Amino acid sequence: MNPKYKNSYKNNKKELVSLSVYNAGFQKCESRYQWGPGIRDHYLIHHIIAGKGFYQAGKTTYELHEGDTFLIYPQTEITYYADADNPWEYTWVGFNGSDAAIILKATDFSQTSPVLPTSELKESIRKHLLGIYDARGNGFADSVEMTGRLYRTLALFMKHSSVKEHTNTAGGYVQTAIAYISANYSYPITVEDIAGYVGVSRSHLFRSFETVLQKSPKEYLTEFRIKQASYLLTHSSLSVTAIANSVGFDNGLYFSKTFHKAVGISPREYRQKRTPTM
């Protein structure tokens, strides 16, 4: 019998807003090896390299074999476990970010169909997922490399999806809005500016964001700016006022209040606690 093994990497620098790799790895499980019941705070894709196992999401239990792929959704109670006689071997990646939900909606994964028979793509999926693990590292450049490889992996599922692309949908509007925010967050843009760029009314944009991301455009814009500010506080020597200006706040006091409300401490306290020691 082949020895059991597990190789796992957890990324502690989840600094990218649009998409970040949380963890990656591969494992040959012992008989009946189980995770759960429990929930994750991020998405997880598992691809079965060999063997057999079971994935339970909600009231449905799926039997999986070599070549199958399953997706775990955040905040969803799940259990998965290896077969007693032919325990599975799999590779996985965990991720989250503002792009995650939009990209996954363009694949055949869904809450009601979280398992895909991907035997015809098994070698490509395996190589893509292991490639993310191979890019692991503690530097910011490593995080960017892992995320780049994750985008390519998700694109593989998109290209072989039965989902047709429609730009005039909630997902399309949100994707266009996020692209605009990413390019213009350092300016004092408003929700009206975003809606105007997308070409829909403010109320329509609001409904699209609520449908896709379960948050308003204003909440997303604020979270994006705070995330960027957090990075600058720990990776630059800019003053708090300069950082506020750099992420689209023209009032330093308002920035500090907004930051404190979102993070729980002031920007200066955050810098003191999070600045890397040399």
Protein backbone atom coordinates (compact mmCIF):
# COMPACT_ATOMS: atom_id res chain seq x y z
CA MET A 1 0.00 0.00 0.00
CA ASN A 2 1.30 3.44 -0.88
CA PRO A 3 2.23 5.63 2.10
CA LYS A 4 -0.18 8.40 3.05
CA TYR A 5 1.03 11.98 2.69
CA LYS A 6 -0.09 15.58 2.95
CA ASN A 7 1.61 18.66 1.55
CA SER A 8 -0.16 21.90 2.44
CA TYR A 9 0.67 25.60 2.27
CA LYS A 10 -1.30 28.35 4.04
CA ASN A 11 -0.87 31.89 2.79
CA ASN A 12 -0.85 34.38 5.67
CA LYS A 13 -0.59 37.41 3.36
CA LYS A 14 -4.05 37.69 1.85
CA GLU A 15 -3.41 41.25 0.65
CA LEU A 16 -5.02 41.15 -2.79
CA VAL A 17 -8.58 42.44 -2.90
CA SER A 18 -9.85 40.95 -6.15
CA LEU A 19 -8.61 37.40 -5.62
CA SER A 20 -6.27 35.83 -3.05
CA VAL A 21 -5.06 32.28 -2.56
CA TYR A 22 -5.69 31.19 1.03
CA ASN A 23 -4.11 27.74 0.86
CA ALA A 24 -3.06 25.04 -1.57
CA GLY A 25 -1.78 21.48 -1.40
CA PHE A 26 -2.23 17.82 -2.19
CA GLN A 27 -2.93 14.79 -0.03
CA LYS A 28 -3.27 11.03 -0.14
CA CYS A 29 -5.77 10.28 2.61
CA GLU A 30 -6.00 7.44 5.06
CA SER A 31 -9.04 5.18 5.08
CA ARG A 32 -12.14 7.11 6.21
CA TYR A 33 -10.12 10.33 6.70
CA GLN A 34 -12.73 13.05 7.30
CA TRP A 35 -13.06 16.81 7.55
CA GLY A 36 -16.23 18.24 9.07
CA PRO A 37 -18.96 18.77 9.69
CA GLY A 38 -17.94 22.42 9.61
CA ILE A 39 -17.80 25.57 7.52
CA ARG A 40 -15.04 27.44 5.71
CA ASP A 41 -14.71 31.21 5.38
CA HIS A 42 -13.51 30.92 1.78
CA TYR A 43 -13.99 28.89 -1.40
CA LEU A 44 -12.18 25.55 -1.80
CA ILE A 45 -11.76 23.52 -4.98
CA HIS A 46 -10.74 19.87 -4.60
CA HIS A 47 -9.79 17.72 -7.58
CA ILE A 48 -9.68 13.94 -7.20
CA ILE A 49 -6.42 12.47 -8.52
CA ALA A 50 -7.14 8.87 -7.55
CA GLY A 51 -9.35 6.77 -5.32
CA LYS A 52 -12.82 7.43 -4.01
CA GLY A 53 -14.54 9.60 -1.41
CA PHE A 54 -17.72 11.34 -0.41
CA TYR A 55 -18.75 15.00 -0.18
CA GLN A 56 -21.81 16.07 1.78
CA ALA A 57 -23.23 19.58 1.29
CA GLY A 58 -26.58 20.30 2.88
CA LYS A 59 -28.73 17.20 2.65
CA THR A 60 -27.00 15.82 -0.44
CA THR A 61 -24.11 13.34 -0.40
CA TYR A 62 -22.00 12.94 -3.54
CA GLU A 63 -19.81 9.93 -4.34
CA LEU A 64 -16.64 11.08 -6.11
CA HIS A 65 -13.99 9.26 -8.13
CA GLU A 66 -10.81 10.01 -10.03
CA GLY A 67 -11.32 13.01 -12.32
CA ASP A 68 -14.17 14.58 -10.35
CA THR A 69 -13.92 18.09 -8.91
CA PHE A 70 -15.94 19.59 -6.07
CA LEU A 71 -16.37 23.13 -4.80
CA ILE A 72 -16.93 24.18 -1.19
CA TYR A 73 -18.77 27.48 -0.73
CA PRO A 74 -18.05 29.84 2.16
CA GLN A 75 -20.30 29.68 5.23
CA THR A 76 -21.85 26.40 4.05
CA GLU A 77 -21.85 23.39 6.35
CA ILE A 78 -20.06 20.51 4.67
CA THR A 79 -18.38 17.17 5.36
CA TYR A 80 -16.04 15.19 3.14
CA TYR A 81 -14.34 11.87 3.80
CA ALA A 82 -12.29 9.17 2.12
CA ASP A 83 -13.62 5.77 1.16
CA ALA A 84 -12.75 2.95 3.56
CA ASP A 85 -11.32 0.58 0.91
CA ASN A 86 -10.04 2.95 -1.78
CA PRO A 87 -9.30 6.29 -0.03
CA TRP A 88 -8.95 9.22 -2.32
CA GLU A 89 -5.99 11.35 -3.25
CA TYR A 90 -6.67 14.97 -4.16
CA THR A 91 -5.18 18.39 -4.76
CA TRP A 92 -6.86 21.61 -3.69
CA VAL A 93 -6.79 25.40 -3.57
CA GLY A 94 -8.61 27.74 -1.20
CA PHE A 95 -9.34 31.31 -2.24
CA ASN A 96 -11.59 34.33 -1.86
CA GLY A 97 -11.95 37.92 -3.07
CA SER A 98 -14.34 40.18 -4.92
CA ASP A 99 -13.72 38.39 -8.24
CA ALA A 100 -14.36 34.92 -6.84
CA ALA A 101 -18.17 34.87 -6.90
CA ILE A 102 -18.33 36.52 -10.32
CA ILE A 103 -15.85 34.10 -11.90
CA LEU A 104 -17.50 31.03 -10.37
CA LYS A 105 -20.87 32.14 -11.75
CA ALA A 106 -19.29 31.79 -15.21
CA THR A 107 -18.48 28.11 -14.54
CA ASP A 108 -20.75 25.09 -14.16
CA PHE A 109 -20.31 25.12 -10.38
CA SER A 110 -23.33 26.22 -8.34
CA GLN A 111 -24.73 25.83 -4.83
CA THR A 112 -27.07 23.14 -6.14
CA SER A 113 -24.39 21.49 -8.34
CA PRO A 114 -21.06 21.78 -6.50
CA VAL A 115 -19.59 18.65 -8.14
CA LEU A 116 -18.36 18.44 -11.74
CA PRO A 117 -17.36 15.33 -13.72
CA THR A 118 -14.10 16.65 -15.17
CA SER A 119 -12.35 13.44 -16.25
CA GLU A 120 -11.56 14.85 -19.70
CA LEU A 121 -9.72 17.75 -18.03
CA LYS A 122 -8.16 15.84 -15.15
CA GLU A 123 -4.54 16.18 -16.26
CA SER A 124 -4.88 19.91 -16.96
CA ILE A 125 -6.70 20.58 -13.69
CA ARG A 126 -4.12 18.61 -11.72
CA LYS A 127 -1.23 20.51 -13.31
CA HIS A 128 -2.91 23.89 -12.74
CA LEU A 129 -3.67 23.21 -9.08
CA LEU A 130 -0.22 21.80 -8.34
CA GLY A 131 1.23 24.82 -10.13
CA ILE A 132 -0.42 27.10 -7.57
CA TYR A 133 1.21 25.09 -4.77
CA ASP A 134 4.58 25.22 -6.55
CA ALA A 135 4.39 29.04 -6.58
CA ARG A 136 4.03 29.22 -2.77
CA GLY A 137 6.12 31.66 -0.79
CA ASN A 138 6.01 34.36 1.88
CA GLY A 139 6.63 37.39 -0.33
CA PHE A 140 4.10 39.68 -1.96
CA ALA A 141 5.43 38.63 -5.37
CA ASP A 142 4.69 35.01 -4.44
CA SER A 143 1.10 35.94 -3.56
CA VAL A 144 0.72 37.64 -6.94
CA GLU A 145 2.17 34.59 -8.72
CA MET A 146 -0.18 32.21 -6.90
CA THR A 147 -3.14 34.43 -7.72
CA GLY A 148 -2.12 34.61 -11.37
CA ARG A 149 -2.02 30.82 -11.55
CA LEU A 150 -5.39 30.66 -9.78
CA TYR A 151 -6.91 32.93 -12.44
CA ARG A 152 -5.61 30.55 -15.12
CA THR A 153 -7.09 27.58 -13.25
CA LEU A 154 -10.50 29.22 -12.95
CA ALA A 155 -10.33 30.23 -16.62
CA LEU A 156 -9.97 26.53 -17.46
CA PHE A 157 -13.31 25.81 -15.78
CA MET A 158 -14.86 28.83 -17.52
CA LYS A 159 -13.70 27.79 -20.99
CA HIS A 160 -15.29 24.36 -20.60
CA SER A 161 -18.48 25.67 -19.06
CA SER A 162 -21.96 25.45 -20.53
CA VAL A 163 -22.67 28.92 -19.09
CA LYS A 164 -23.06 31.51 -21.81
CA GLU A 165 -21.49 34.92 -21.36
CA HIS A 166 -23.89 37.81 -21.02
CA THR A 167 -22.52 41.26 -20.32
CA ASN A 168 -25.93 42.76 -19.56
CA THR A 169 -26.46 40.76 -16.40
CA ALA A 170 -26.00 41.47 -12.71
CA GLY A 171 -22.64 39.69 -12.80
CA GLY A 172 -21.54 41.64 -15.86
CA TYR A 173 -22.52 44.97 -14.33
CA VAL A 174 -20.70 44.15 -11.11
CA GLN A 175 -17.60 43.01 -12.98
CA THR A 176 -17.51 46.25 -14.97
CA ALA A 177 -18.04 48.27 -11.80
CA ILE A 178 -15.22 46.46 -10.00
CA ALA A 179 -12.86 47.12 -12.90
CA TYR A 180 -13.75 50.83 -12.72
CA ILE A 181 -13.24 50.90 -8.95
CA SER A 182 -9.88 49.13 -9.23
CA ALA A 183 -8.66 51.76 -11.69
CA ASN A 184 -10.16 54.83 -10.01
CA TYR A 185 -10.44 54.19 -6.24
CA SER A 186 -7.67 56.71 -5.54
CA TYR A 187 -9.92 59.48 -6.87
CA PRO A 188 -13.00 60.78 -4.99
CA ILE A 189 -15.39 58.71 -7.11
CA THR A 190 -18.98 58.18 -6.01
CA VAL A 191 -21.55 55.46 -6.58
CA GLU A 192 -23.16 57.75 -9.17
CA ASP A 193 -19.84 57.86 -11.04
CA ILE A 194 -19.64 54.07 -11.01
CA ALA A 195 -23.22 53.63 -12.18
CA GLY A 196 -22.64 56.15 -14.95
CA TYR A 197 -19.59 54.25 -16.17
CA VAL A 198 -21.45 50.94 -16.11
CA GLY A 199 -24.41 52.53 -17.90
CA VAL A 200 -27.15 51.70 -15.41
CA SER A 201 -29.06 53.61 -12.76
CA ARG A 202 -27.80 53.79 -9.20
CA SER A 203 -30.69 51.62 -8.01
CA HIS A 204 -30.01 49.00 -10.71
CA LEU A 205 -26.33 48.90 -9.74
CA PHE A 206 -27.32 48.52 -6.09
CA ARG A 207 -29.55 45.54 -6.89
CA SER A 208 -26.81 43.94 -8.99
CA PHE A 209 -24.26 44.21 -6.18
CA GLU A 210 -26.73 42.87 -3.63
CA THR A 211 -27.52 39.92 -5.91
CA VAL A 212 -23.91 39.00 -6.72
CA LEU A 213 -21.89 40.08 -3.66
CA GLN A 214 -24.57 40.59 -0.98
CA LYS A 215 -23.30 44.10 -0.33
CA SER A 216 -23.92 47.57 -1.75
CA PRO A 217 -21.60 49.36 -4.21
CA LYS A 218 -20.73 51.87 -1.48
CA GLU A 219 -19.81 49.07 0.94
CA TYR A 220 -17.64 47.42 -1.69
CA LEU A 221 -15.91 50.71 -2.58
CA THR A 222 -15.20 51.46 1.08
CA GLU A 223 -13.89 47.94 1.74
CA PHE A 224 -11.66 48.17 -1.33
CA ARG A 225 -10.20 51.49 -0.19
CA ILE A 226 -9.65 50.27 3.38
CA LYS A 227 -7.89 47.16 2.08
CA GLN A 228 -5.58 49.28 -0.05
CA ALA A 229 -4.98 51.64 2.88
CA SER A 230 -4.13 48.67 5.12
CA TYR A 231 -1.49 47.56 2.66
CA LEU A 232 0.06 51.05 2.46
CA LEU A 233 0.10 51.35 6.25
CA THR A 234 2.24 48.23 6.56
CA HIS A 235 4.34 48.53 3.39
CA SER A 236 5.09 52.25 3.05
CA SER A 237 6.32 55.18 5.10
CA LEU A 238 3.58 57.51 3.86
CA SER A 239 1.79 59.55 6.49
CA VAL A 240 -1.79 58.67 7.41
CA THR A 241 -2.96 61.81 5.61
CA ALA A 242 -1.02 60.87 2.48
CA ILE A 243 -2.47 57.36 2.57
CA ALA A 244 -5.98 58.78 2.97
CA ASN A 245 -5.46 60.92 -0.13
CA SER A 246 -3.96 57.96 -2.00
CA VAL A 247 -7.06 55.79 -1.53
CA GLY A 248 -9.68 58.38 -2.38
CA PHE A 249 -10.42 60.14 0.92
CA ASP A 250 -10.05 63.92 0.80
CA ASN A 251 -10.60 64.25 4.54
CA GLY A 252 -8.08 62.64 6.90
CA LEU A 253 -10.42 62.68 9.88
CA TYR A 254 -13.21 60.98 7.94
CA PHE A 255 -10.70 58.39 6.69
CA SER A 256 -9.58 57.64 10.25
CA LYS A 257 -13.17 57.26 11.45
CA THR A 258 -14.05 55.01 8.51
CA PHE A 259 -10.92 52.92 9.02
CA HIS A 260 -11.62 52.54 12.76
CA LYS A 261 -15.20 51.48 12.06
CA ALA A 262 -14.07 48.86 9.53
CA VAL A 263 -10.99 47.48 11.29
CA GLY A 264 -11.65 48.24 14.96
CA ILE A 265 -8.51 50.32 15.56
CA SER A 266 -7.11 53.57 14.22
CA PRO A 267 -4.76 53.67 11.20
CA ARG A 268 -1.81 54.53 13.47
CA GLU A 269 -2.56 51.64 15.81
CA TYR A 270 -2.90 49.32 12.81
CA ARG A 271 0.50 50.44 11.52
CA GLN A 272 2.14 49.86 14.90
CA LYS A 273 0.72 46.36 15.20
CA ARG A 274 1.13 45.19 11.61
CA THR A 275 4.35 46.78 10.34
CA PRO A 276 6.78 43.95 9.53
CA THR A 277 9.90 43.84 11.69
CA MET A 278 13.18 43.72 9.82
